[in-house]
Amino acid sequence: MPLTEEMSGYAVFLYPQALAMLGEAIKPYLRDDDRGPHLVCSSIDTGGALIEMTLEGRTDTGEAVSVEVMIPVNMVRMIVSARSDAAFGFGPRVPAEVVTALPPQPLASASPGTVDVVEPVKATSAKGGASAEAKLPPEG
């Protein structure tokens, strides 16, 4: 079953050595399936020496409960996001159909099949003569 069908949030996979070191204390929070043992979290914070994970669960009486578990970051092997509703990255939030519908735009100065060559700028000395190429900062 794909990860996004069974949950929404994050799957945190730990190193085998971390699982052994945490022992019985971590077992109530683990899910184990064909992907291996992992923690299912509704939110995570990886900003410090400890990764803070919020796990959603139920008590023996059926009441919803949020549990915060903190472990050292170096115990984490991989974090998989299973959120299908959230956008990811730093780009503009434009639907995919709008992006693919835009035609390619040629460069304003280039005609098809040509390449513009830029000559280096020559610095001149105070006497008006040519000297070595100017030391210009890289463009970019």
Protein backbone atom coordinates (compact mmCIF):
# COMPACT_ATOMS: atom_id res chain seq x y z
CA MET A 1 0.00 0.00 0.00
CA PRO A 2 1.49 3.39 -0.92
CA LEU A 3 2.51 5.60 1.96
CA THR A 4 0.06 8.38 1.06
CA GLU A 5 -2.94 6.05 1.14
CA GLU A 6 -2.32 4.91 4.71
CA MET A 7 -1.40 8.21 6.35
CA SER A 8 -0.70 11.88 6.01
CA GLY A 9 2.41 13.36 7.59
CA TYR A 10 5.88 11.89 7.80
CA ALA A 11 7.43 8.45 8.03
CA VAL A 12 10.68 8.56 10.02
CA PHE A 13 13.02 5.62 9.48
CA LEU A 14 15.74 4.99 12.06
CA TYR A 15 19.07 3.23 11.73
CA PRO A 16 19.04 -0.40 12.94
CA GLN A 17 21.61 0.53 15.63
CA ALA A 18 19.24 3.29 16.85
CA LEU A 19 16.34 0.83 17.08
CA ALA A 20 18.54 -1.54 19.09
CA MET A 21 19.76 1.28 21.34
CA LEU A 22 16.24 2.62 22.02
CA GLY A 23 15.00 -0.92 22.60
CA GLU A 24 11.63 -1.49 24.24
CA ALA A 25 11.06 2.25 24.81
CA ILE A 26 10.48 2.96 21.09
CA LYS A 27 8.51 -0.21 20.20
CA PRO A 28 5.02 1.09 21.15
CA TYR A 29 5.43 3.94 18.63
CA LEU A 30 6.78 1.92 15.69
CA ARG A 31 4.87 0.67 12.70
CA ASP A 32 6.40 -2.28 10.90
CA ASP A 33 5.46 -3.25 7.34
CA ASP A 34 7.16 -4.13 4.04
CA ARG A 35 9.09 -0.81 4.15
CA GLY A 36 10.54 -1.66 7.56
CA PRO A 37 9.99 -0.24 11.03
CA HIS A 38 9.20 3.49 11.09
CA LEU A 39 7.49 6.20 13.13
CA VAL A 40 4.40 7.88 11.64
CA CYS A 41 4.39 11.56 12.63
CA SER A 42 1.92 14.36 12.06
CA SER A 43 4.72 16.95 12.41
CA ILE A 44 8.48 17.03 12.87
CA ASP A 45 11.08 19.62 13.83
CA THR A 46 14.67 18.93 12.81
CA GLY A 47 16.05 22.30 13.90
CA GLY A 48 18.25 21.16 16.78
CA ALA A 49 20.33 18.31 18.13
CA LEU A 50 17.11 16.38 18.79
CA ILE A 51 14.44 15.70 16.21
CA GLU A 52 11.04 16.45 17.72
CA MET A 53 8.22 14.29 16.39
CA THR A 54 4.51 14.55 17.12
CA LEU A 55 2.70 11.22 16.89
CA GLU A 56 -1.09 10.91 16.90
CA GLY A 57 -2.63 7.94 18.63
CA ARG A 58 -5.44 6.59 20.81
CA THR A 59 -5.48 5.63 24.46
CA ASP A 60 -6.84 2.30 25.69
CA THR A 61 -10.22 4.03 26.14
CA GLY A 62 -10.23 5.34 22.55
CA GLU A 63 -9.43 8.98 23.29
CA ALA A 64 -7.22 10.84 20.78
CA VAL A 65 -3.81 11.73 22.14
CA SER A 66 -0.73 13.53 20.78
CA VAL A 67 2.63 12.23 21.92
CA GLU A 68 5.91 14.09 21.44
CA VAL A 69 8.96 11.91 20.99
CA MET A 70 12.47 13.39 20.82
CA ILE A 71 15.54 11.47 19.70
CA PRO A 72 19.02 12.53 18.55
CA VAL A 73 19.10 13.56 14.88
CA ASN A 74 21.97 11.16 14.12
CA MET A 75 19.62 8.20 14.77
CA VAL A 76 17.44 9.13 11.76
CA ARG A 77 18.20 7.34 8.51
CA MET A 78 15.49 8.93 6.34
CA ILE A 79 12.32 11.03 6.55
CA VAL A 80 9.61 10.56 3.93
CA SER A 81 6.87 13.14 3.53
CA ALA A 82 3.47 11.65 2.82
CA ARG A 83 1.59 14.91 2.44
CA SER A 84 -0.21 15.04 -0.88
CA ASP A 85 -1.95 18.36 -0.25
CA ALA A 86 1.06 20.55 0.49
CA ALA A 87 3.29 22.18 -2.12
CA PHE A 88 7.03 21.59 -1.76
CA GLY A 89 9.98 23.79 -2.64
CA PHE A 90 10.71 27.46 -3.19
CA GLY A 91 9.17 27.99 -6.64
CA PRO A 92 5.95 29.82 -7.42
CA ARG A 93 2.77 27.96 -6.57
CA VAL A 94 1.43 27.66 -10.11
CA PRO A 95 -0.70 24.68 -11.13
CA ALA A 96 1.13 22.26 -13.46
CA GLU A 97 -1.38 22.72 -16.30
CA VAL A 98 -0.60 26.45 -16.43
CA VAL A 99 3.14 25.87 -16.55
CA THR A 100 2.95 23.30 -19.35
CA ALA A 101 0.59 25.48 -21.39
CA LEU A 102 3.10 28.32 -21.78
CA PRO A 103 4.95 28.28 -25.14
CA PRO A 104 8.77 28.42 -25.05
CA GLN A 105 10.09 31.98 -25.27
CA PRO A 106 13.22 32.68 -27.41
CA LEU A 107 15.87 35.06 -26.15
CA ALA A 108 15.27 38.62 -27.35
CA SER A 109 18.75 39.12 -28.84
CA ALA A 110 19.26 35.68 -30.37
CA SER A 111 17.89 34.52 -33.66
CA PRO A 112 17.30 30.80 -34.20
CA GLY A 113 20.49 28.81 -34.76
CA THR A 114 22.93 31.58 -33.75
CA VAL A 115 25.10 32.07 -30.71
CA ASP A 116 26.13 35.51 -29.43
CA VAL A 117 29.84 35.79 -28.66
CA VAL A 118 30.90 38.39 -26.14
CA GLU A 119 34.43 39.77 -26.43
CA PRO A 120 36.36 40.49 -23.22
CA VAL A 121 36.63 44.13 -22.18
CA LYS A 122 40.13 45.61 -22.51
CA ALA A 123 41.34 48.04 -19.88
CA THR A 124 43.37 51.04 -21.02
CA SER A 125 46.25 52.59 -19.17
CA ALA A 126 46.31 56.22 -18.09
CA LYS A 127 48.37 57.03 -21.22
CA GLY A 128 45.58 55.78 -23.47
CA GLY A 129 47.26 52.56 -24.53
CA ALA A 130 45.79 49.07 -24.29
CA SER A 131 46.85 46.87 -21.38
CA ALA A 132 45.88 43.46 -20.03
CA GLU A 133 42.24 42.39 -19.83
CA ALA A 134 40.34 44.06 -17.01
CA LYS A 135 39.72 42.02 -13.89
CA LEU A 136 35.94 42.02 -13.81
CA PRO A 137 33.79 40.17 -11.29
CA PRO A 138 32.14 37.00 -12.59
CA GLU A 139 28.71 37.45 -14.07
CA GLY A 140 25.85 35.43 -12.82
